[in-house]
Amino acid sequence: QVQLVESGGGLVQAGGSLRLSCAASGSIFSINTMGWYRQAPGKQRELVATITSGGSTNYADSVKGRFTISRDNAKNTVNLQMNSLKPEDTAVYYCNADRLRRVYWGQGTQVTVSS
């Protein structure tokens, strides 16, 4: 089992920045891809960004150039630096980890961007 705990959400004005962090614990060996997804009210959960154990990244088109995902394998953490935030970035953000063909989710952290 892998436990994921997110932190860093909050309320910010449009144009501002937030940094989300996710700490993994438990059976952390062999975690491959980690990432961030988000779900806005009334919408499906969508990919924001992912990063493999080797450092390869993937971003949703809507956040490219504004968000940066990073990973510290020694500390078992994955971070999401969010800059130039827009009201449409408002959502619950979930940390995600892929280990041995099983997917794990955190409890989510709310990000609200006011206009």
C-alpha atoms as a PDB file:
ATOM      1  CA  GLN A   1       0.000   0.000   0.000  1.00  0.00           C
ATOM      2  CA  VAL A   2       1.029   3.574  -0.692  1.00  0.00           C
ATOM      3  CA  GLN A   3      -0.284   6.541   1.262  1.00  0.00           C
ATOM      4  CA  LEU A   4      -0.256   9.979  -0.317  1.00  0.00           C
ATOM      5  CA  VAL A   5      -0.769  13.206   1.633  1.00  0.00           C
ATOM      6  CA  GLU A   6      -1.134  16.522  -0.170  1.00  0.00           C
ATOM      7  CA  SER A   7      -0.543  19.984   1.236  1.00  0.00           C
ATOM      8  CA  GLY A   8      -0.262  23.542   0.017  1.00  0.00           C
ATOM      9  CA  GLY A   9      -3.682  24.347  -1.356  1.00  0.00           C
ATOM     10  CA  GLY A  10      -5.522  27.547  -0.581  1.00  0.00           C
ATOM     11  CA  LEU A  11      -7.053  30.731  -1.901  1.00  0.00           C
ATOM     12  CA  VAL A  12      -5.090  33.000  -4.210  1.00  0.00           C
ATOM     13  CA  GLN A  13      -5.870  35.873  -6.557  1.00  0.00           C
ATOM     14  CA  ALA A  14      -5.596  35.490 -10.291  1.00  0.00           C
ATOM     15  CA  GLY A  15      -1.998  35.871 -11.388  1.00  0.00           C
ATOM     16  CA  GLY A  16      -0.689  34.536  -8.105  1.00  0.00           C
ATOM     17  CA  SER A  17       1.245  31.391  -7.267  1.00  0.00           C
ATOM     18  CA  LEU A  18       0.849  28.315  -5.111  1.00  0.00           C
ATOM     19  CA  ARG A  19       3.029  25.300  -4.475  1.00  0.00           C
ATOM     20  CA  LEU A  20       1.490  21.913  -3.827  1.00  0.00           C
ATOM     21  CA  SER A  21       3.394  19.096  -2.185  1.00  0.00           C
ATOM     22  CA  CYS A  22       2.643  15.412  -1.903  1.00  0.00           C
ATOM     23  CA  ALA A  23       4.428  13.029   0.448  1.00  0.00           C
ATOM     24  CA  ALA A  24       4.368   9.301  -0.206  1.00  0.00           C
ATOM     25  CA  SER A  25       4.744   6.701   2.513  1.00  0.00           C
ATOM     26  CA  GLY A  26       4.243   2.985   2.933  1.00  0.00           C
ATOM     27  CA  SER A  27       5.396   0.646   0.172  1.00  0.00           C
ATOM     28  CA  ILE A  28       7.222   3.312  -1.766  1.00  0.00           C
ATOM     29  CA  PHE A  29       9.684   1.073  -3.548  1.00  0.00           C
ATOM     30  CA  SER A  30       8.949   0.653  -7.230  1.00  0.00           C
ATOM     31  CA  ILE A  31       6.741   3.727  -7.504  1.00  0.00           C
ATOM     32  CA  ASN A  32       6.971   4.685 -11.156  1.00  0.00           C
ATOM     33  CA  THR A  33       4.963   7.676 -12.292  1.00  0.00           C
ATOM     34  CA  MET A  34       3.659  10.283  -9.877  1.00  0.00           C
ATOM     35  CA  GLY A  35       1.459  13.154 -10.805  1.00  0.00           C
ATOM     36  CA  TRP A  36      -1.237  15.674 -10.145  1.00  0.00           C
ATOM     37  CA  TYR A  37      -4.817  15.589 -11.330  1.00  0.00           C
ATOM     38  CA  ARG A  38      -7.639  18.018 -10.647  1.00  0.00           C
ATOM     39  CA  GLN A  39     -11.394  17.989 -10.522  1.00  0.00           C
ATOM     40  CA  ALA A  40     -13.537  21.086 -10.765  1.00  0.00           C
ATOM     41  CA  PRO A  41     -17.201  21.086  -9.661  1.00  0.00           C
ATOM     42  CA  GLY A  42     -19.366  19.313 -12.205  1.00  0.00           C
ATOM     43  CA  LYS A  43     -16.401  18.173 -14.270  1.00  0.00           C
ATOM     44  CA  GLN A  44     -14.412  14.993 -14.658  1.00  0.00           C
ATOM     45  CA  ARG A  45     -11.037  14.551 -13.055  1.00  0.00           C
ATOM     46  CA  GLU A  46      -8.292  15.557 -15.474  1.00  0.00           C
ATOM     47  CA  LEU A  47      -4.559  15.211 -15.738  1.00  0.00           C
ATOM     48  CA  VAL A  48      -2.489  18.240 -14.781  1.00  0.00           C
ATOM     49  CA  ALA A  49       1.074  16.916 -14.862  1.00  0.00           C
ATOM     50  CA  THR A  50       3.019  13.707 -14.370  1.00  0.00           C
ATOM     51  CA  ILE A  51       6.651  12.815 -13.770  1.00  0.00           C
ATOM     52  CA  THR A  52       8.330   9.431 -14.025  1.00  0.00           C
ATOM     53  CA  SER A  53      10.950   8.057 -11.674  1.00  0.00           C
ATOM     54  CA  GLY A  54      13.498   9.009 -14.307  1.00  0.00           C
ATOM     55  CA  GLY A  55      12.304  12.612 -14.422  1.00  0.00           C
ATOM     56  CA  SER A  56      10.336  12.665 -17.672  1.00  0.00           C
ATOM     57  CA  THR A  57       7.433  15.075 -17.457  1.00  0.00           C
ATOM     58  CA  ASN A  58       4.087  15.505 -19.145  1.00  0.00           C
ATOM     59  CA  TYR A  59       1.730  18.471 -18.851  1.00  0.00           C
ATOM     60  CA  ALA A  60      -1.813  19.266 -19.836  1.00  0.00           C
ATOM     61  CA  ASP A  61      -1.871  21.906 -22.563  1.00  0.00           C
ATOM     62  CA  SER A  62      -3.832  24.229 -20.296  1.00  0.00           C
ATOM     63  CA  VAL A  63      -0.985  24.475 -17.758  1.00  0.00           C
ATOM     64  CA  LYS A  64       2.104  24.325 -19.968  1.00  0.00           C
ATOM     65  CA  GLY A  65       4.417  27.234 -19.278  1.00  0.00           C
ATOM     66  CA  ARG A  66       2.680  28.037 -15.996  1.00  0.00           C
ATOM     67  CA  PHE A  67       3.017  24.895 -13.866  1.00  0.00           C
ATOM     68  CA  THR A  68       6.153  22.907 -13.072  1.00  0.00           C
ATOM     69  CA  ILE A  69       6.193  19.418 -11.599  1.00  0.00           C
ATOM     70  CA  SER A  70       9.217  18.161  -9.706  1.00  0.00           C
ATOM     71  CA  ARG A  71      10.100  15.080  -7.735  1.00  0.00           C
ATOM     72  CA  ASP A  72      12.518  14.202  -4.959  1.00  0.00           C
ATOM     73  CA  ASN A  73      12.969  10.440  -4.994  1.00  0.00           C
ATOM     74  CA  ALA A  74      15.071  10.518  -1.826  1.00  0.00           C
ATOM     75  CA  LYS A  75      12.295  12.258   0.099  1.00  0.00           C
ATOM     76  CA  ASN A  76       9.467  10.502  -1.737  1.00  0.00           C
ATOM     77  CA  THR A  77       7.777  13.766  -2.568  1.00  0.00           C
ATOM     78  CA  VAL A  78       6.311  15.308  -5.675  1.00  0.00           C
ATOM     79  CA  ASN A  79       5.648  19.026  -5.968  1.00  0.00           C
ATOM     80  CA  LEU A  80       3.629  21.226  -8.272  1.00  0.00           C
ATOM     81  CA  GLN A  81       4.656  24.850  -8.634  1.00  0.00           C
ATOM     82  CA  MET A  82       1.717  26.787 -10.035  1.00  0.00           C
ATOM     83  CA  ASN A  83       2.323  30.291 -11.388  1.00  0.00           C
ATOM     84  CA  SER A  84       0.107  32.770 -13.214  1.00  0.00           C
ATOM     85  CA  LEU A  85      -2.956  31.091 -11.776  1.00  0.00           C
ATOM     86  CA  LYS A  86      -6.312  31.626 -13.440  1.00  0.00           C
ATOM     87  CA  PRO A  87      -9.854  31.284 -12.073  1.00  0.00           C
ATOM     88  CA  GLU A  88     -10.288  28.220 -14.295  1.00  0.00           C
ATOM     89  CA  ASP A  89      -7.527  26.501 -12.309  1.00  0.00           C
ATOM     90  CA  THR A  90      -9.925  26.334  -9.361  1.00  0.00           C
ATOM     91  CA  ALA A  91     -10.378  22.672  -8.430  1.00  0.00           C
ATOM     92  CA  VAL A  92      -9.536  19.972  -5.952  1.00  0.00           C
ATOM     93  CA  TYR A  93      -6.032  18.790  -6.774  1.00  0.00           C
ATOM     94  CA  TYR A  94      -5.170  15.132  -6.228  1.00  0.00           C
ATOM     95  CA  CYS A  95      -1.779  13.495  -5.980  1.00  0.00           C
ATOM     96  CA  ASN A  96      -1.415  10.202  -7.823  1.00  0.00           C
ATOM     97  CA  ALA A  97       1.142   7.398  -7.784  1.00  0.00           C
ATOM     98  CA  ASP A  98       1.546   4.364  -9.987  1.00  0.00           C
ATOM     99  CA  ARG A  99       3.193   1.326  -8.398  1.00  0.00           C
ATOM    100  CA  LEU A 100       3.274  -2.164  -9.822  1.00  0.00           C
ATOM    101  CA  ARG A 101       0.177  -1.598 -11.943  1.00  0.00           C
ATOM    102  CA  ARG A 102      -1.838  -0.164  -9.044  1.00  0.00           C
ATOM    103  CA  VAL A 103      -2.862   3.437  -8.825  1.00  0.00           C
ATOM    104  CA  TYR A 104      -3.048   5.323  -5.549  1.00  0.00           C
ATOM    105  CA  TRP A 105      -4.684   8.668  -4.772  1.00  0.00           C
ATOM    106  CA  GLY A 106      -4.363  11.253  -2.070  1.00  0.00           C
ATOM    107  CA  GLN A 107      -7.323  12.852  -0.356  1.00  0.00           C
ATOM    108  CA  GLY A 108      -7.086  16.052  -2.386  1.00  0.00           C
ATOM    109  CA  THR A 109      -6.387  19.685  -1.605  1.00  0.00           C
ATOM    110  CA  GLN A 110      -8.550  22.615  -2.629  1.00  0.00           C
ATOM    111  CA  VAL A 111      -7.129  25.353  -4.833  1.00  0.00           C
ATOM    112  CA  THR A 112      -9.322  28.399  -5.341  1.00  0.00           C
ATOM    113  CA  VAL A 113      -8.314  31.238  -7.654  1.00  0.00           C
ATOM    114  CA  SER A 114     -10.336  34.433  -7.351  1.00  0.00           C
ATOM    115  CA  SER A 115     -10.737  36.865 -10.222  1.00  0.00           C
END
